[in-house]
N, C-alpha and C. Protein backbone atom coordinates (compact mmCIF):
# COMPACT_ATOMS: atom_id res chain seq x y z
N MET A 1 8.37 12.19 8.66
CA MET A 1 7.80 11.03 8.22
C MET A 1 7.84 10.92 6.33
N THR A 2 8.24 10.00 5.82
CA THR A 2 8.38 10.11 4.30
C THR A 2 7.69 9.10 3.87
N LEU A 3 6.58 9.63 2.83
CA LEU A 3 5.58 8.36 2.23
C LEU A 3 5.78 8.66 0.57
N ILE A 4 5.96 7.72 -0.09
CA ILE A 4 5.97 8.11 -1.86
C ILE A 4 5.23 6.93 -2.27
N LEU A 5 4.74 7.57 -3.39
CA LEU A 5 3.53 6.68 -4.22
C LEU A 5 4.58 6.70 -5.70
N PHE A 6 4.67 5.43 -5.92
CA PHE A 6 5.36 5.02 -6.80
C PHE A 6 4.46 4.13 -8.06
N ASN A 7 4.49 4.64 -9.28
CA ASN A 7 3.86 3.42 -10.12
C ASN A 7 5.03 2.82 -10.54
N LYS A 8 5.01 1.49 -10.17
CA LYS A 8 6.01 0.47 -10.68
C LYS A 8 5.73 -0.39 -11.87
N PRO A 9 7.05 -0.02 -12.72
CA PRO A 9 6.66 -0.88 -14.18
C PRO A 9 6.79 -2.14 -14.19
N PHE A 10 6.42 -2.66 -14.91
CA PHE A 10 6.43 -4.39 -15.55
C PHE A 10 7.71 -4.52 -15.41
N GLY A 11 8.13 -5.64 -14.78
CA GLY A 11 9.38 -6.24 -14.72
C GLY A 11 10.26 -5.77 -13.48
N VAL A 12 9.95 -4.95 -12.88
CA VAL A 12 11.08 -4.58 -11.90
C VAL A 12 10.80 -4.93 -10.70
N MET A 13 11.70 -5.60 -9.87
CA MET A 13 11.75 -5.92 -8.51
C MET A 13 11.69 -4.97 -7.29
N CYS A 14 10.72 -5.55 -6.20
CA CYS A 14 10.32 -4.42 -5.15
C CYS A 14 11.23 -4.45 -4.45
N GLN A 15 12.90 -4.36 -4.49
CA GLN A 15 13.56 -4.35 -3.95
C GLN A 15 14.62 -3.36 -4.24
N PHE A 16 15.76 -2.84 -3.17
CA PHE A 16 16.72 -1.68 -3.37
C PHE A 16 18.22 -2.74 -3.93
N SER A 17 18.17 -3.78 -3.47
CA SER A 17 19.04 -4.36 -3.67
C SER A 17 19.57 -4.91 -4.99
N PRO A 18 20.77 -4.77 -5.98
CA PRO A 18 20.97 -5.44 -7.12
C PRO A 18 20.46 -6.54 -7.32
N HIS A 19 19.71 -7.07 -8.55
CA HIS A 19 19.13 -8.25 -8.83
C HIS A 19 19.78 -8.54 -10.17
N PRO A 20 20.26 -9.77 -10.51
CA PRO A 20 21.17 -10.39 -11.62
C PRO A 20 20.74 -9.80 -13.08
N SER A 21 19.18 -9.91 -12.97
CA SER A 21 18.56 -9.83 -14.48
C SER A 21 17.71 -8.64 -14.35
N ARG A 22 17.36 -8.01 -13.20
CA ARG A 22 15.84 -7.13 -13.76
C ARG A 22 16.28 -5.71 -13.02
N ALA A 23 15.67 -4.91 -13.70
CA ALA A 23 15.66 -3.62 -12.91
C ALA A 23 14.87 -3.71 -11.40
N THR A 24 15.32 -2.69 -10.38
CA THR A 24 15.04 -2.58 -8.99
C THR A 24 14.49 -1.22 -8.64
N LEU A 25 14.11 -0.77 -7.58
CA LEU A 25 13.44 0.41 -7.05
C LEU A 25 14.69 1.22 -7.33
N SER A 26 15.88 1.10 -7.02
CA SER A 26 16.85 1.63 -6.68
C SER A 26 17.10 2.64 -8.25
N GLU A 27 17.02 2.26 -9.19
CA GLU A 27 16.74 2.75 -10.54
C GLU A 27 16.18 3.98 -10.71
N PHE A 28 15.21 3.90 -9.72
CA PHE A 28 14.10 4.86 -9.76
C PHE A 28 13.79 6.08 -8.68
N ILE A 29 14.00 5.33 -7.46
CA ILE A 29 13.78 5.90 -6.19
C ILE A 29 15.29 6.36 -5.63
N ARG A 30 15.80 7.26 -5.50
CA ARG A 30 17.07 7.71 -4.88
C ARG A 30 16.81 8.33 -3.58
N THR A 31 15.57 8.02 -2.81
CA THR A 31 15.60 8.92 -1.52
C THR A 31 15.87 7.83 -0.35
N PRO A 32 17.17 8.15 0.20
CA PRO A 32 17.51 7.26 1.18
C PRO A 32 16.82 6.71 2.75
N GLY A 33 16.79 5.63 2.96
CA GLY A 33 16.17 4.93 3.90
C GLY A 33 14.73 4.63 3.90
N VAL A 34 13.85 4.83 2.52
CA VAL A 34 12.77 4.21 2.47
C VAL A 34 12.69 2.94 1.81
N TYR A 35 11.56 2.30 2.01
CA TYR A 35 11.60 0.68 1.88
C TYR A 35 9.58 0.42 1.66
N PRO A 36 9.38 -0.50 0.41
CA PRO A 36 8.28 -0.56 0.42
C PRO A 36 7.54 -1.33 1.31
N ALA A 37 6.29 -0.54 1.27
CA ALA A 37 5.15 -0.99 2.35
C ALA A 37 4.37 -1.92 1.17
N GLY A 38 4.64 -3.38 1.44
CA GLY A 38 4.03 -4.38 0.85
C GLY A 38 4.67 -4.57 -0.52
N ARG A 39 4.37 -5.65 -1.43
CA ARG A 39 4.79 -5.49 -2.65
C ARG A 39 4.37 -5.88 -3.88
N LEU A 40 4.54 -5.85 -4.79
CA LEU A 40 4.16 -6.43 -6.23
C LEU A 40 5.15 -7.35 -6.56
N ASP A 41 4.60 -8.54 -7.55
CA ASP A 41 5.69 -9.02 -7.88
C ASP A 41 6.05 -8.25 -9.15
N ALA A 42 7.62 -9.19 -10.00
CA ALA A 42 7.95 -8.54 -10.96
C ALA A 42 6.93 -8.56 -12.25
N ASP A 43 5.94 -9.44 -12.40
CA ASP A 43 4.90 -9.28 -13.53
C ASP A 43 3.65 -8.39 -13.40
N SER A 44 3.71 -7.83 -11.98
CA SER A 44 2.70 -6.66 -11.79
C SER A 44 3.18 -5.38 -12.00
N GLU A 45 2.54 -4.42 -11.86
CA GLU A 45 2.37 -3.10 -12.30
C GLU A 45 1.34 -2.39 -11.18
N GLY A 46 1.78 -0.98 -11.34
CA GLY A 46 0.98 -0.08 -10.26
C GLY A 46 1.46 0.54 -9.34
N LEU A 47 0.82 1.03 -8.46
CA LEU A 47 0.85 1.39 -7.24
C LEU A 47 1.72 0.90 -6.12
N LEU A 48 2.84 1.37 -5.73
CA LEU A 48 3.39 0.75 -4.65
C LEU A 48 3.79 2.26 -3.39
N LEU A 49 3.31 1.89 -2.49
CA LEU A 49 3.71 2.98 -1.40
C LEU A 49 5.21 2.55 -0.77
N LEU A 50 5.87 3.67 -0.21
CA LEU A 50 7.43 3.82 0.50
C LEU A 50 7.48 4.47 1.56
N THR A 51 7.67 4.23 2.31
CA THR A 51 8.05 5.05 3.58
C THR A 51 9.37 4.58 4.50
N ASP A 52 9.80 5.72 5.18
CA ASP A 52 10.61 5.52 6.19
C ASP A 52 10.22 5.27 7.64
N ASP A 53 9.28 5.12 7.75
CA ASP A 53 8.62 4.61 9.16
C ASP A 53 7.87 3.28 8.87
N GLY A 54 8.50 2.41 9.91
CA GLY A 54 8.24 1.27 10.41
C GLY A 54 6.60 1.31 10.75
N ALA A 55 6.21 1.90 11.80
CA ALA A 55 4.99 1.69 11.86
C ALA A 55 4.00 1.69 10.47
N LEU A 56 4.00 2.92 10.03
CA LEU A 56 3.33 3.03 8.87
C LEU A 56 3.76 2.01 7.95
N GLN A 57 4.67 1.29 7.74
CA GLN A 57 4.68 0.36 6.82
C GLN A 57 4.03 -0.77 7.09
N LYS A 58 4.06 -1.06 8.43
CA LYS A 58 3.06 -1.99 8.57
C LYS A 58 1.64 -1.99 8.87
N ARG A 59 1.28 -0.83 8.97
CA ARG A 59 0.06 -0.72 9.25
C ARG A 59 -0.67 -0.43 7.75
N ILE A 60 0.26 -0.19 6.88
CA ILE A 60 -0.23 -0.39 5.11
C ILE A 60 -0.23 -1.76 4.75
N SER A 61 1.21 -2.43 5.16
CA SER A 61 1.02 -3.58 4.34
C SER A 61 0.72 -5.19 5.12
N HIS A 62 0.44 -4.74 6.37
CA HIS A 62 0.37 -6.07 7.57
C HIS A 62 -1.54 -6.28 7.13
N PRO A 63 -1.68 -8.02 6.84
CA PRO A 63 -2.67 -8.37 6.73
C PRO A 63 -3.87 -8.09 7.68
N ASP A 64 -3.22 -8.09 9.05
CA ASP A 64 -4.44 -7.67 9.82
C ASP A 64 -4.92 -6.09 10.11
N SER A 65 -4.33 -5.37 9.32
CA SER A 65 -4.75 -4.05 8.85
C SER A 65 -5.75 -3.83 8.11
N LYS A 66 -5.90 -4.96 7.23
CA LYS A 66 -6.91 -4.91 6.29
C LYS A 66 -7.42 -3.68 5.51
N LYS A 67 -6.18 -3.11 5.29
CA LYS A 67 -6.35 -1.99 3.89
C LYS A 67 -6.61 -2.15 2.87
N ARG A 68 -7.52 -1.65 2.31
CA ARG A 68 -8.25 -1.93 1.09
C ARG A 68 -6.95 -1.58 -0.39
N LYS A 69 -6.77 -2.61 -1.07
CA LYS A 69 -6.15 -2.73 -2.44
C LYS A 69 -6.88 -3.07 -3.63
N THR A 70 -7.02 -2.14 -4.57
CA THR A 70 -7.83 -2.22 -5.93
C THR A 70 -6.53 -2.60 -7.06
N TYR A 71 -7.15 -3.83 -7.72
CA TYR A 71 -6.71 -4.41 -8.88
C TYR A 71 -7.31 -4.06 -9.93
N ILE A 72 -6.59 -3.93 -11.14
CA ILE A 72 -7.50 -4.15 -12.45
C ILE A 72 -6.48 -5.30 -12.98
N ALA A 73 -7.19 -6.41 -13.65
CA ALA A 73 -6.71 -7.58 -14.12
C ALA A 73 -7.43 -7.54 -15.61
N GLN A 74 -6.14 -8.12 -16.53
CA GLN A 74 -7.14 -8.28 -17.75
C GLN A 74 -6.38 -9.86 -17.81
N VAL A 75 -7.47 -10.62 -17.84
CA VAL A 75 -7.83 -12.05 -17.98
C VAL A 75 -8.39 -12.58 -19.45
N ASP A 76 -7.65 -13.91 -19.50
CA ASP A 76 -7.89 -14.59 -20.49
C ASP A 76 -9.42 -15.35 -20.57
N GLY A 77 -10.15 -14.89 -21.45
CA GLY A 77 -11.22 -15.68 -21.61
C GLY A 77 -12.65 -14.67 -20.77
N ARG A 78 -13.86 -15.12 -20.93
CA ARG A 78 -15.13 -14.59 -20.66
C ARG A 78 -15.39 -14.92 -19.31
N PRO A 79 -15.62 -14.38 -18.20
CA PRO A 79 -16.50 -15.26 -16.96
C PRO A 79 -17.67 -16.06 -17.04
N ALA A 80 -17.48 -17.56 -16.64
CA ALA A 80 -18.49 -18.10 -16.30
C ALA A 80 -19.68 -17.25 -15.84
N PRO A 81 -20.71 -17.64 -15.64
CA PRO A 81 -22.09 -16.71 -14.89
C PRO A 81 -21.65 -16.75 -13.09
N ASP A 82 -20.83 -18.07 -12.68
CA ASP A 82 -20.73 -17.88 -11.24
C ASP A 82 -19.11 -17.38 -10.98
N ALA A 83 -18.35 -16.99 -12.12
CA ALA A 83 -16.82 -16.74 -11.81
C ALA A 83 -16.87 -15.64 -10.91
N LEU A 84 -17.66 -14.39 -10.88
CA LEU A 84 -17.51 -13.30 -10.50
C LEU A 84 -18.06 -13.75 -8.86
N ALA A 85 -18.99 -14.56 -8.61
CA ALA A 85 -19.43 -14.64 -7.22
C ALA A 85 -18.25 -15.51 -6.35
N ARG A 86 -17.78 -16.32 -7.39
CA ARG A 86 -16.55 -17.18 -6.52
C ARG A 86 -15.16 -16.66 -6.35
N LEU A 87 -15.14 -15.48 -7.29
CA LEU A 87 -14.20 -14.34 -7.05
C LEU A 87 -14.39 -13.99 -5.73
N ARG A 88 -15.62 -13.26 -5.35
CA ARG A 88 -16.17 -12.27 -4.17
C ARG A 88 -15.85 -13.52 -2.82
N GLY A 89 -15.70 -14.69 -3.05
CA GLY A 89 -15.23 -15.22 -2.00
C GLY A 89 -16.51 -15.59 -1.02
N PRO A 90 -15.81 -16.24 0.31
CA PRO A 90 -14.16 -16.76 0.16
C PRO A 90 -14.03 -17.67 -0.96
N LEU A 91 -12.64 -17.89 -1.11
CA LEU A 91 -12.47 -18.48 -2.26
C LEU A 91 -11.32 -19.80 -1.86
N ASP A 92 -11.53 -21.02 -1.71
CA ASP A 92 -10.18 -21.91 -1.30
C ASP A 92 -9.22 -21.87 -2.02
N LEU A 93 -7.98 -21.75 -2.21
CA LEU A 93 -7.19 -21.85 -2.87
C LEU A 93 -6.02 -22.84 -2.35
N GLY A 94 -6.43 -23.33 -1.61
CA GLY A 94 -5.48 -24.68 -0.93
C GLY A 94 -4.90 -24.63 0.10
N ASP A 95 -3.92 -23.60 0.09
CA ASP A 95 -3.26 -23.29 1.16
C ASP A 95 -3.97 -22.10 2.27
N PHE A 96 -4.90 -21.60 1.70
CA PHE A 96 -5.76 -20.50 2.47
C PHE A 96 -6.89 -20.05 1.77
N ILE A 97 -7.59 -19.76 2.48
CA ILE A 97 -9.20 -19.50 1.85
C ILE A 97 -9.38 -17.86 1.89
N THR A 98 -9.42 -17.16 0.69
CA THR A 98 -9.19 -15.94 0.60
C THR A 98 -10.69 -15.12 1.80
N ARG A 99 -10.26 -14.06 2.28
CA ARG A 99 -11.33 -13.05 2.76
C ARG A 99 -12.43 -12.70 1.49
N PRO A 100 -13.72 -12.50 1.96
CA PRO A 100 -14.53 -11.78 0.63
C PRO A 100 -13.90 -10.68 0.27
N CYS A 101 -14.04 -10.74 -0.95
CA CYS A 101 -13.89 -9.19 -1.84
C CYS A 101 -15.00 -8.64 -2.36
N GLU A 102 -14.43 -7.37 -3.09
CA GLU A 102 -15.39 -7.07 -4.39
C GLU A 102 -14.82 -7.15 -5.48
N ALA A 103 -15.32 -7.65 -6.58
CA ALA A 103 -15.35 -7.91 -7.83
C ALA A 103 -16.36 -7.96 -8.92
N SER A 104 -15.48 -7.33 -10.13
CA SER A 104 -16.49 -7.01 -10.92
C SER A 104 -15.81 -7.15 -12.45
N GLU A 105 -16.77 -7.25 -13.29
CA GLU A 105 -16.27 -6.81 -14.77
C GLU A 105 -16.46 -5.50 -15.30
N ILE A 106 -15.23 -4.98 -15.92
CA ILE A 106 -14.97 -3.70 -16.49
C ILE A 106 -14.85 -3.46 -17.97
N GLU A 107 -15.25 -2.16 -18.31
CA GLU A 107 -14.51 -1.95 -19.77
C GLU A 107 -12.97 -1.82 -19.69
N ALA A 108 -12.49 -2.31 -20.61
CA ALA A 108 -11.12 -1.89 -20.75
C ALA A 108 -10.99 -0.17 -20.77
N PRO A 109 -9.90 0.01 -19.76
CA PRO A 109 -9.75 1.24 -19.27
C PRO A 109 -9.17 2.12 -20.40
N GLU A 110 -9.35 3.11 -20.57
CA GLU A 110 -8.80 4.22 -21.78
C GLU A 110 -7.34 4.90 -21.27
N TRP A 111 -7.66 5.25 -19.72
CA TRP A 111 -6.24 5.82 -19.64
C TRP A 111 -5.17 4.95 -18.96
N LEU A 112 -5.25 3.67 -19.20
CA LEU A 112 -4.45 3.01 -18.89
C LEU A 112 -3.02 2.95 -19.83
N TRP A 113 -1.93 2.86 -19.38
CA TRP A 113 -0.75 3.17 -20.51
C TRP A 113 -0.61 1.32 -21.18
N PRO A 114 -0.14 1.61 -22.09
CA PRO A 114 0.67 0.23 -22.77
C PRO A 114 1.86 -0.41 -22.01
N ARG A 115 1.56 -1.39 -21.79
CA ARG A 115 2.72 -2.02 -20.97
C ARG A 115 3.80 -2.32 -22.29
N ASP A 116 5.11 -2.42 -21.62
CA ASP A 116 5.82 -2.86 -22.53
C ASP A 116 6.65 -3.84 -21.79
N PRO A 117 6.99 -5.22 -22.38
CA PRO A 117 6.28 -5.69 -23.59
C PRO A 117 5.03 -5.50 -23.72
N PRO A 118 4.17 -5.65 -25.02
CA PRO A 118 2.98 -5.79 -24.82
C PRO A 118 2.15 -7.37 -24.35
N ILE A 119 0.94 -7.17 -24.18
CA ILE A 119 0.07 -8.24 -23.99
C ILE A 119 0.24 -9.07 -25.05
N ARG A 120 0.22 -10.56 -25.28
CA ARG A 120 -0.07 -11.11 -26.45
C ARG A 120 -1.26 -11.00 -26.97
N HIS A 121 -1.53 -10.73 -28.64
CA HIS A 121 -2.79 -11.04 -28.74
C HIS A 121 -3.22 -11.98 -29.87
N ARG A 122 -4.40 -12.61 -28.98
CA ARG A 122 -5.08 -13.94 -29.86
C ARG A 122 -6.42 -13.48 -30.18
N ALA A 123 -6.49 -13.67 -31.42
CA ALA A 123 -8.01 -12.83 -32.06
C ALA A 123 -9.08 -13.91 -31.58
N SER A 124 -8.83 -15.31 -31.53
CA SER A 124 -9.71 -16.37 -31.01
C SER A 124 -9.90 -16.46 -29.75
N ILE A 125 -9.17 -15.54 -28.80
CA ILE A 125 -9.46 -15.74 -27.55
C ILE A 125 -10.06 -14.40 -26.89
N PRO A 126 -11.24 -14.34 -26.34
CA PRO A 126 -11.07 -13.08 -26.05
C PRO A 126 -10.64 -12.79 -24.59
N VAL A 127 -10.71 -11.17 -24.20
CA VAL A 127 -9.71 -10.89 -23.13
C VAL A 127 -10.92 -10.17 -22.26
N THR A 128 -11.01 -9.94 -21.15
CA THR A 128 -12.00 -9.33 -20.07
C THR A 128 -11.08 -8.29 -18.90
N TRP A 129 -11.64 -7.48 -18.33
CA TRP A 129 -10.93 -7.07 -17.71
C TRP A 129 -12.14 -7.04 -16.29
N LEU A 130 -11.26 -7.14 -15.24
CA LEU A 130 -11.78 -7.29 -13.92
C LEU A 130 -11.44 -6.52 -13.07
N ALA A 131 -12.11 -6.02 -12.12
CA ALA A 131 -11.56 -4.82 -10.80
C ALA A 131 -11.81 -5.54 -9.67
N LEU A 132 -11.03 -5.61 -8.86
CA LEU A 132 -10.88 -6.54 -7.60
C LEU A 132 -10.15 -5.71 -6.57
N THR A 133 -11.34 -5.79 -5.43
CA THR A 133 -10.69 -4.93 -4.15
C THR A 133 -10.46 -6.05 -3.10
N LEU A 134 -9.41 -6.21 -2.34
CA LEU A 134 -9.07 -6.70 -1.42
C LEU A 134 -8.73 -6.14 -0.21
N SER A 135 -9.01 -6.79 0.81
CA SER A 135 -8.43 -6.25 2.27
C SER A 135 -7.16 -7.16 2.71
N GLU A 136 -6.83 -7.92 2.05
CA GLU A 136 -5.58 -8.42 2.15
C GLU A 136 -4.52 -9.15 1.03
N GLY A 137 -3.69 -9.37 1.04
CA GLY A 137 -2.90 -9.49 -0.08
C GLY A 137 -1.47 -10.32 -0.05
N LYS A 138 -1.94 -11.58 -0.15
CA LYS A 138 -1.09 -12.68 -0.17
C LYS A 138 -0.38 -12.81 -1.18
N ASN A 139 0.90 -13.35 -1.41
CA ASN A 139 1.84 -13.76 -2.38
C ASN A 139 1.00 -14.20 -3.66
N ARG A 140 0.70 -13.42 -4.81
CA ARG A 140 0.18 -13.72 -6.21
C ARG A 140 -1.20 -13.90 -6.16
N GLN A 141 -1.55 -13.51 -4.91
CA GLN A 141 -3.08 -13.84 -4.47
C GLN A 141 -4.01 -13.21 -5.61
N VAL A 142 -4.17 -12.32 -6.21
CA VAL A 142 -5.28 -11.95 -7.12
C VAL A 142 -4.95 -12.82 -8.53
N ARG A 143 -3.56 -13.64 -8.98
CA ARG A 143 -3.46 -14.18 -10.14
C ARG A 143 -3.96 -15.53 -9.85
N ARG A 144 -3.52 -15.96 -8.46
CA ARG A 144 -4.21 -17.39 -8.20
C ARG A 144 -5.56 -17.43 -8.17
N MET A 145 -6.47 -16.36 -7.69
CA MET A 145 -7.92 -16.07 -7.64
C MET A 145 -8.18 -16.60 -9.08
N THR A 146 -8.10 -15.77 -10.06
CA THR A 146 -8.22 -15.61 -11.24
C THR A 146 -8.37 -16.96 -11.73
N ALA A 147 -6.82 -17.74 -11.65
CA ALA A 147 -6.80 -18.91 -12.16
C ALA A 147 -7.45 -20.15 -11.91
N ALA A 148 -8.09 -19.73 -10.49
CA ALA A 148 -9.23 -20.51 -9.90
C ALA A 148 -10.29 -20.85 -10.45
N VAL A 149 -10.84 -19.33 -10.92
CA VAL A 149 -12.03 -19.43 -11.68
C VAL A 149 -11.96 -19.76 -13.14
N GLY A 150 -10.70 -20.18 -13.77
CA GLY A 150 -10.78 -20.39 -14.92
C GLY A 150 -10.38 -19.32 -16.12
N LEU A 151 -9.63 -18.32 -15.26
CA LEU A 151 -9.43 -16.98 -15.99
C LEU A 151 -8.09 -16.51 -15.60
N PRO A 152 -7.20 -17.34 -16.36
CA PRO A 152 -5.62 -16.92 -16.40
C PRO A 152 -5.44 -15.21 -16.38
N THR A 153 -4.74 -14.63 -15.28
CA THR A 153 -4.46 -13.38 -15.63
C THR A 153 -3.29 -13.02 -16.70
N LEU A 154 -3.47 -12.21 -17.53
CA LEU A 154 -2.42 -11.50 -18.56
C LEU A 154 -2.03 -10.56 -18.13
N ARG A 155 -2.76 -9.55 -17.78
CA ARG A 155 -1.68 -8.25 -16.72
C ARG A 155 -2.51 -7.88 -15.76
N LEU A 156 -1.80 -7.41 -14.93
CA LEU A 156 -2.15 -7.09 -13.40
C LEU A 156 -1.45 -5.75 -12.99
N VAL A 157 -2.72 -4.82 -12.47
CA VAL A 157 -2.48 -3.51 -12.54
C VAL A 157 -2.85 -3.17 -11.21
N ARG A 158 -2.18 -2.75 -9.87
CA ARG A 158 -2.72 -2.26 -8.70
C ARG A 158 -2.83 -0.70 -8.54
N ILE A 159 -4.28 -0.27 -8.51
CA ILE A 159 -4.60 1.20 -8.73
C ILE A 159 -4.86 2.06 -7.47
N ALA A 160 -5.06 1.26 -6.38
CA ALA A 160 -5.03 2.13 -5.27
C ALA A 160 -4.85 1.11 -3.64
N ILE A 161 -4.27 1.98 -3.00
CA ILE A 161 -4.00 1.22 -1.92
C ILE A 161 -4.29 2.27 -0.72
N GLY A 162 -5.65 1.64 0.10
CA GLY A 162 -6.09 2.71 0.94
C GLY A 162 -6.92 4.07 -0.08
N GLY A 163 -6.78 5.13 0.58
CA GLY A 163 -7.31 5.93 0.06
C GLY A 163 -6.39 6.66 -1.40
N PHE A 164 -5.24 6.32 -1.30
CA PHE A 164 -4.42 6.78 -2.67
C PHE A 164 -4.69 6.05 -3.72
N SER A 165 -4.94 6.35 -4.84
CA SER A 165 -5.19 5.85 -5.86
C SER A 165 -4.35 6.74 -7.51
N LEU A 166 -4.23 5.96 -8.21
CA LEU A 166 -3.44 6.33 -9.88
C LEU A 166 -4.67 7.22 -10.27
N ALA A 167 -5.90 7.05 -9.56
CA ALA A 167 -6.81 8.22 -10.40
C ALA A 167 -6.42 9.49 -10.11
N SER A 168 -6.70 9.60 -8.62
CA SER A 168 -6.21 10.90 -8.03
C SER A 168 -4.79 11.50 -7.89
N HIS A 169 -3.90 10.44 -7.90
CA HIS A 169 -2.45 10.83 -8.19
C HIS A 169 -2.06 10.22 -9.17
N PRO A 170 -2.40 10.53 -10.54
CA PRO A 170 -1.72 10.11 -11.74
C PRO A 170 -0.15 10.06 -12.05
N LEU A 171 0.08 8.90 -12.23
CA LEU A 171 2.00 8.77 -12.56
C LEU A 171 1.73 7.84 -13.76
N LEU A 172 2.79 8.02 -14.48
CA LEU A 172 3.08 7.18 -15.55
C LEU A 172 4.04 6.11 -14.89
N PRO A 173 4.13 5.13 -15.40
CA PRO A 173 5.25 3.87 -14.68
C PRO A 173 6.71 4.88 -14.81
N GLY A 174 7.07 4.45 -13.72
CA GLY A 174 8.57 4.79 -13.25
C GLY A 174 8.18 6.28 -12.50
N GLU A 175 7.13 6.85 -12.69
CA GLU A 175 6.91 7.98 -11.54
C GLU A 175 6.94 7.82 -10.18
N TRP A 176 7.14 9.00 -9.57
CA TRP A 176 6.92 8.65 -8.23
C TRP A 176 6.56 10.29 -7.94
N ARG A 177 6.19 10.30 -6.45
CA ARG A 177 5.92 11.48 -5.91
C ARG A 177 5.91 11.65 -4.51
N TYR A 178 6.08 12.80 -3.78
CA TYR A 178 6.23 12.68 -2.42
C TYR A 178 4.58 12.86 -2.12
N VAL A 179 4.09 12.20 -1.09
CA VAL A 179 2.84 12.73 -0.34
C VAL A 179 2.87 13.00 1.21
N ASP A 180 1.76 13.41 1.85
CA ASP A 180 1.58 13.77 3.01
C ASP A 180 1.45 12.68 3.97
N ALA A 181 2.18 12.06 4.69
CA ALA A 181 1.91 10.48 5.14
C ALA A 181 0.47 10.52 6.12
N ALA A 182 0.27 11.81 6.84
CA ALA A 182 -0.82 12.07 7.23
C ALA A 182 -2.10 11.79 6.87
N ASP A 183 -2.05 12.08 5.36
CA ASP A 183 -2.90 11.95 4.26
C ASP A 183 -3.73 10.58 3.76
N PHE A 184 -2.64 9.71 4.41
CA PHE A 184 -3.26 8.29 4.44
C PHE A 184 -4.26 7.73 4.93
N ASP A 185 -4.37 7.93 5.97
CA ASP A 185 -5.56 7.63 6.79
C ASP A 185 -6.91 8.55 6.21
N ALA A 186 -6.55 9.84 6.27
CA ALA A 186 -7.61 11.00 6.01
C ALA A 186 -8.29 10.51 4.53
N GLU A 187 -7.20 10.20 3.28
CA GLU A 187 -8.06 9.74 1.99
C GLU A 187 -8.84 8.71 2.23
N GLU A 188 -8.38 7.67 3.17
CA GLU A 188 -9.33 6.41 2.94
C GLU A 188 -10.51 6.72 3.68
N SER A 189 -10.62 7.24 4.99
CA SER A 189 -11.93 7.60 5.45
C SER A 189 -12.73 8.67 4.68
N ALA A 190 -12.29 9.47 3.79
CA ALA A 190 -12.89 9.99 2.90
C ALA A 190 -13.63 9.23 1.66
N ARG A 191 -13.19 7.85 1.16
CA ARG A 191 -13.47 6.72 0.47
C ARG A 191 -14.59 6.17 0.78
N SER A 192 -14.69 6.34 2.25
CA SER A 192 -15.35 4.81 3.13
C SER A 192 -16.65 5.72 2.70
């Protein structure tokens, strides 16, 4: 059983098949038979797990498994007093209501690599960094959540899935490494 940790760069599609205008996983990972366990949209960066085991892929990515995923988001503006409480939810996004999650304001991460292309800088509008840990992961969910509380996301980086994190397994954008699949549940249990 193969399990790969990959730091997906900004702009890369979470697919191996060719894309007409964007880079895909095939430009970084040459291991045959692996597939992403979950996705990150092209405008998001960070940790992606890939495996050749269908049962493990489902355990990692299926919403019923409630695997914790942690993101850091650079947002436009400062949170209103109730914004973090609203993010912690449940939050009605129209087509679904989010599960409760963890949300907090954090300092700008010093360890975070610069994004290419860089985020626009507007001196008149402050930016804030948030950390969010979800037990679900619907399409563009974090971006929709921050927008719903008046804080549009400028940059989104997934930093952890289950017990695996970019803190314990440092990878620069485009880098990947094999890990022991048995460690997936063990690392998450150790974090709990």
